[in-house]
Protein backbone atom coordinates (compact mmCIF):
# COMPACT_ATOMS: atom_id res chain seq x y z
CA MET A 1 3.68 120.03 105.41
CA GLU A 2 6.80 122.06 106.13
CA PRO A 3 7.22 125.53 104.65
CA PRO A 4 9.76 125.95 101.86
CA ALA A 5 13.20 127.40 102.62
CA THR A 6 13.15 131.17 102.76
CA ILE A 7 15.87 133.73 103.24
CA VAL A 8 15.40 135.30 106.65
CA GLY A 9 18.32 137.68 106.89
CA TYR A 10 21.70 138.68 105.61
CA ARG A 11 24.93 139.58 107.34
CA PRO A 12 28.02 140.53 105.33
CA GLY A 13 30.11 137.42 104.68
CA ARG A 14 27.35 135.01 105.76
CA HIS A 15 24.18 133.74 104.14
CA GLN A 16 21.38 132.71 106.47
CA VAL A 17 18.51 130.51 105.35
CA SER A 18 15.68 129.01 107.37
CA ILE A 19 15.04 125.37 106.55
CA ALA A 20 12.23 123.66 108.46
CA ASN A 21 12.64 126.16 111.29
CA GLU A 22 16.42 125.65 111.54
CA ASP A 23 18.88 128.41 110.73
CA VAL A 24 21.71 127.35 108.46
CA LEU A 25 24.69 129.66 108.07
CA MET A 26 27.13 129.39 105.22
CA SER A 27 30.23 131.50 105.06
CA LYS A 28 31.12 133.39 101.92
CA GLU A 29 34.07 131.06 101.32
CA GLY A 30 31.88 127.97 101.62
CA PHE A 31 29.38 129.33 99.15
CA GLU A 32 32.06 130.44 96.69
CA GLY A 33 33.92 127.14 97.05
CA ALA A 34 30.83 125.11 96.24
CA ALA A 35 30.16 127.29 93.20
CA GLN A 36 33.78 126.99 92.03
CA LYS A 37 33.61 123.19 92.36
CA GLY A 38 30.49 123.20 90.18
CA VAL A 39 32.16 125.32 87.52
CA GLY A 40 35.19 123.03 87.66
CA SER A 41 33.03 119.96 87.11
CA ILE A 42 31.43 121.56 84.08
CA LYS A 43 34.80 122.61 82.63
CA GLU A 44 36.21 119.16 83.19
CA ALA A 45 33.22 117.47 81.52
CA ILE A 46 33.34 119.81 78.51
CA GLY A 47 37.09 119.29 78.25
CA LYS A 48 36.64 115.52 78.26
CA ALA A 49 33.81 115.66 75.72
CA THR A 50 35.72 117.90 73.31
CA GLY A 51 39.17 116.45 73.89
CA ASP A 52 40.42 119.81 75.19
CA ARG A 53 43.03 118.74 77.74
CA LYS A 54 43.73 122.33 78.83
CA LEU A 55 40.06 122.96 79.67
CA GLN A 56 39.87 119.61 81.42
CA ALA A 57 42.92 120.49 83.53
CA GLU A 58 41.44 123.90 84.36
CA GLY A 59 38.30 122.11 85.54
CA VAL A 60 40.27 119.81 87.81
CA ALA A 61 42.21 122.79 89.21
CA ASP A 62 38.95 124.69 89.84
CA LYS A 63 37.49 121.69 91.67
CA ILE A 64 40.57 121.43 93.90
CA ALA A 65 40.58 125.16 94.64
CA GLY A 66 36.83 125.06 95.29
CA SER A 67 37.24 122.17 97.71
CA ALA A 68 39.90 124.11 99.61
CA LYS A 69 37.70 127.22 99.80
CA GLU A 70 34.76 125.14 100.91
CA ALA A 71 36.87 123.54 103.67
CA VAL A 72 37.87 127.00 104.93
CA GLY A 73 34.21 128.01 104.89
CA LYS A 74 33.18 124.90 106.84
CA ALA A 75 35.89 125.58 109.42
CA LYS A 76 34.67 129.17 109.81
CA ASP A 77 31.09 127.93 110.15
CA ALA A 78 32.14 125.43 112.84
CA ILE A 79 33.97 128.13 114.78
CA HIS A 80 31.01 130.48 114.46
CA LYS A 81 28.61 127.77 115.64
CA ALA A 82 30.86 126.82 118.55
CA THR A 83 31.11 130.41 119.77
CA LYS A 84 27.41 131.15 119.33
């Protein structure tokens, strides 16, 4: 049985978690982008359910912005991993 994921350290701008003895780094942008995409999905769903087109559009915009932030974060992570 593998141990559960535990936080093993913190460096500004990066979050480091140990998962099954592997270190996984996620840049601040990647983390924020994923969170923003989640918020966007919720806004979009609530907008659809209530017929609020403005809220639905805000949700779509948040998802797009979150995807862009997440892509920047993934690029930073790839660069960090390549130079490690």
